[in-house]
Amino acid sequence: MRFMVAVAIASSLVLPLAVPVEAQTRLPRTSPSERRTDEINRQIQQDQRILGVEQDIQNRSNQIRQNIERDRLFAPRTLPPVPRARCGRGKVC
């Protein structure tokens, strides 16, 4: 009988300590509006990342286009060969 009383007292002291520990590990549920806000924020961040990649692609494309135009503008131009008058040996042309 004393053993049963001791177990009852011990369990009454231990159980209240165990329950709050378990309750503290769980996070509160998010409300539907919080979930929607998080979803919208994630979508905005993804859109910003995509926009940044698109801008990088556009900048690189423009850089390549400018390099091609500069190369065309400053490319060495070769003149067609000038035909020489055929002069025989010893003649001045």
C-alpha atoms as a PDB file:
ATOM      1  CA  MET A   1       0.000   0.000   0.000  1.00  0.00           C
ATOM      2  CA  ARG A   2       2.800   2.386   0.837  1.00  0.00           C
ATOM      3  CA  PHE A   3       4.346   1.525  -2.491  1.00  0.00           C
ATOM      4  CA  MET A   4       1.155   2.541  -4.321  1.00  0.00           C
ATOM      5  CA  VAL A   5       1.035   5.829  -2.427  1.00  0.00           C
ATOM      6  CA  ALA A   6       4.680   6.486  -3.252  1.00  0.00           C
ATOM      7  CA  VAL A   7       4.061   5.774  -6.964  1.00  0.00           C
ATOM      8  CA  ALA A   8       1.013   8.043  -6.964  1.00  0.00           C
ATOM      9  CA  ILE A   9       2.964  10.879  -5.358  1.00  0.00           C
ATOM     10  CA  ALA A  10       5.919  10.415  -7.683  1.00  0.00           C
ATOM     11  CA  SER A  11       3.710  10.289 -10.767  1.00  0.00           C
ATOM     12  CA  SER A  12       1.830  13.384  -9.655  1.00  0.00           C
ATOM     13  CA  LEU A  13       5.169  15.215  -9.465  1.00  0.00           C
ATOM     14  CA  VAL A  14       6.675  13.835 -12.697  1.00  0.00           C
ATOM     15  CA  LEU A  15       3.676  13.997 -15.057  1.00  0.00           C
ATOM     16  CA  PRO A  16       3.102  17.762 -14.818  1.00  0.00           C
ATOM     17  CA  LEU A  17       6.770  18.309 -15.637  1.00  0.00           C
ATOM     18  CA  ALA A  18       6.652  16.045 -18.688  1.00  0.00           C
ATOM     19  CA  VAL A  19       3.586  17.580 -20.300  1.00  0.00           C
ATOM     20  CA  PRO A  20       4.865  21.183 -20.585  1.00  0.00           C
ATOM     21  CA  VAL A  21       8.128  19.951 -22.112  1.00  0.00           C
ATOM     22  CA  GLU A  22       6.198  18.164 -24.828  1.00  0.00           C
ATOM     23  CA  ALA A  23       3.931  21.157 -25.346  1.00  0.00           C
ATOM     24  CA  GLN A  24       6.922  23.476 -25.727  1.00  0.00           C
ATOM     25  CA  THR A  25       8.396  21.454 -28.586  1.00  0.00           C
ATOM     26  CA  ARG A  26       5.335  21.905 -30.781  1.00  0.00           C
ATOM     27  CA  LEU A  27       4.926  25.121 -32.720  1.00  0.00           C
ATOM     28  CA  PRO A  28       1.545  26.810 -32.866  1.00  0.00           C
ATOM     29  CA  ARG A  29      -0.453  26.229 -36.011  1.00  0.00           C
ATOM     30  CA  THR A  30      -0.284  28.903 -38.649  1.00  0.00           C
ATOM     31  CA  SER A  31      -3.515  30.521 -39.620  1.00  0.00           C
ATOM     32  CA  PRO A  32      -4.772  30.364 -43.212  1.00  0.00           C
ATOM     33  CA  SER A  33      -3.963  34.039 -43.678  1.00  0.00           C
ATOM     34  CA  GLU A  34      -0.383  33.485 -42.454  1.00  0.00           C
ATOM     35  CA  ARG A  35       0.028  30.549 -44.827  1.00  0.00           C
ATOM     36  CA  ARG A  36      -1.302  32.654 -47.707  1.00  0.00           C
ATOM     37  CA  THR A  37       1.038  35.511 -46.785  1.00  0.00           C
ATOM     38  CA  ASP A  38       3.994  33.120 -46.705  1.00  0.00           C
ATOM     39  CA  GLU A  39       2.969  31.702 -50.068  1.00  0.00           C
ATOM     40  CA  ILE A  40       2.694  35.189 -51.576  1.00  0.00           C
ATOM     41  CA  ASN A  41       6.099  36.155 -50.170  1.00  0.00           C
ATOM     42  CA  ARG A  42       7.695  33.010 -51.591  1.00  0.00           C
ATOM     43  CA  GLN A  43       6.141  33.742 -54.981  1.00  0.00           C
ATOM     44  CA  ILE A  44       7.425  37.331 -54.902  1.00  0.00           C
ATOM     45  CA  GLN A  45      10.930  36.121 -54.049  1.00  0.00           C
ATOM     46  CA  GLN A  46      10.836  33.569 -56.853  1.00  0.00           C
ATOM     47  CA  ASP A  47       9.616  36.222 -59.303  1.00  0.00           C
ATOM     48  CA  GLN A  48      12.457  38.521 -58.232  1.00  0.00           C
ATOM     49  CA  ARG A  49      15.018  35.742 -58.760  1.00  0.00           C
ATOM     50  CA  ILE A  50      13.594  35.022 -62.214  1.00  0.00           C
ATOM     51  CA  LEU A  51      13.613  38.726 -63.065  1.00  0.00           C
ATOM     52  CA  GLY A  52      17.247  38.983 -61.973  1.00  0.00           C
ATOM     53  CA  VAL A  53      18.211  36.043 -64.189  1.00  0.00           C
ATOM     54  CA  GLU A  54      16.322  37.557 -67.127  1.00  0.00           C
ATOM     55  CA  GLN A  55      18.120  40.875 -66.598  1.00  0.00           C
ATOM     56  CA  ASP A  56      21.488  39.090 -66.500  1.00  0.00           C
ATOM     57  CA  ILE A  57      20.666  37.318 -69.755  1.00  0.00           C
ATOM     58  CA  GLN A  58      19.590  40.594 -71.366  1.00  0.00           C
ATOM     59  CA  ASN A  59      22.758  42.364 -70.181  1.00  0.00           C
ATOM     60  CA  ARG A  60      24.978  39.605 -71.546  1.00  0.00           C
ATOM     61  CA  SER A  61      23.082  39.586 -74.819  1.00  0.00           C
ATOM     62  CA  ASN A  62      23.517  43.348 -75.151  1.00  0.00           C
ATOM     63  CA  GLN A  63      27.209  43.049 -74.302  1.00  0.00           C
ATOM     64  CA  ILE A  64      27.709  40.424 -77.000  1.00  0.00           C
ATOM     65  CA  ARG A  65      25.760  42.557 -79.498  1.00  0.00           C
ATOM     66  CA  GLN A  66      27.917  45.593 -78.676  1.00  0.00           C
ATOM     67  CA  ASN A  67      31.102  43.548 -79.062  1.00  0.00           C
ATOM     68  CA  ILE A  68      29.979  42.307 -82.476  1.00  0.00           C
ATOM     69  CA  GLU A  69      29.091  45.828 -83.620  1.00  0.00           C
ATOM     70  CA  ARG A  70      32.420  47.185 -82.354  1.00  0.00           C
ATOM     71  CA  ASP A  71      34.291  44.402 -84.138  1.00  0.00           C
ATOM     72  CA  ARG A  72      32.438  45.178 -87.372  1.00  0.00           C
ATOM     73  CA  LEU A  73      33.052  48.902 -87.026  1.00  0.00           C
ATOM     74  CA  PHE A  74      36.765  48.653 -86.301  1.00  0.00           C
ATOM     75  CA  ALA A  75      37.564  45.562 -88.358  1.00  0.00           C
ATOM     76  CA  PRO A  76      40.558  46.069 -90.655  1.00  0.00           C
ATOM     77  CA  ARG A  77      39.286  46.653 -94.124  1.00  0.00           C
ATOM     78  CA  THR A  78      41.210  45.178 -96.960  1.00  0.00           C
ATOM     79  CA  LEU A  79      41.234  46.976-100.244  1.00  0.00           C
ATOM     80  CA  PRO A  80      40.967  45.006-103.433  1.00  0.00           C
ATOM     81  CA  PRO A  81      44.314  44.604-105.124  1.00  0.00           C
ATOM     82  CA  VAL A  82      45.129  47.383-107.565  1.00  0.00           C
ATOM     83  CA  PRO A  83      45.901  46.015-110.988  1.00  0.00           C
ATOM     84  CA  ARG A  84      49.370  47.038-112.080  1.00  0.00           C
ATOM     85  CA  ALA A  85      50.093  48.035-115.560  1.00  0.00           C
ATOM     86  CA  ARG A  86      52.206  45.435-117.159  1.00  0.00           C
ATOM     87  CA  CYS A  87      55.471  46.868-117.969  1.00  0.00           C
ATOM     88  CA  GLY A  88      58.125  44.929-119.731  1.00  0.00           C
ATOM     89  CA  ARG A  89      61.653  44.806-118.502  1.00  0.00           C
ATOM     90  CA  GLY A  90      63.487  47.994-118.864  1.00  0.00           C
ATOM     91  CA  LYS A  91      60.400  50.088-119.532  1.00  0.00           C
ATOM     92  CA  VAL A  92      59.174  52.833-117.232  1.00  0.00           C
ATOM     93  CA  CYS A  93      55.502  52.779-116.586  1.00  0.00           C
END
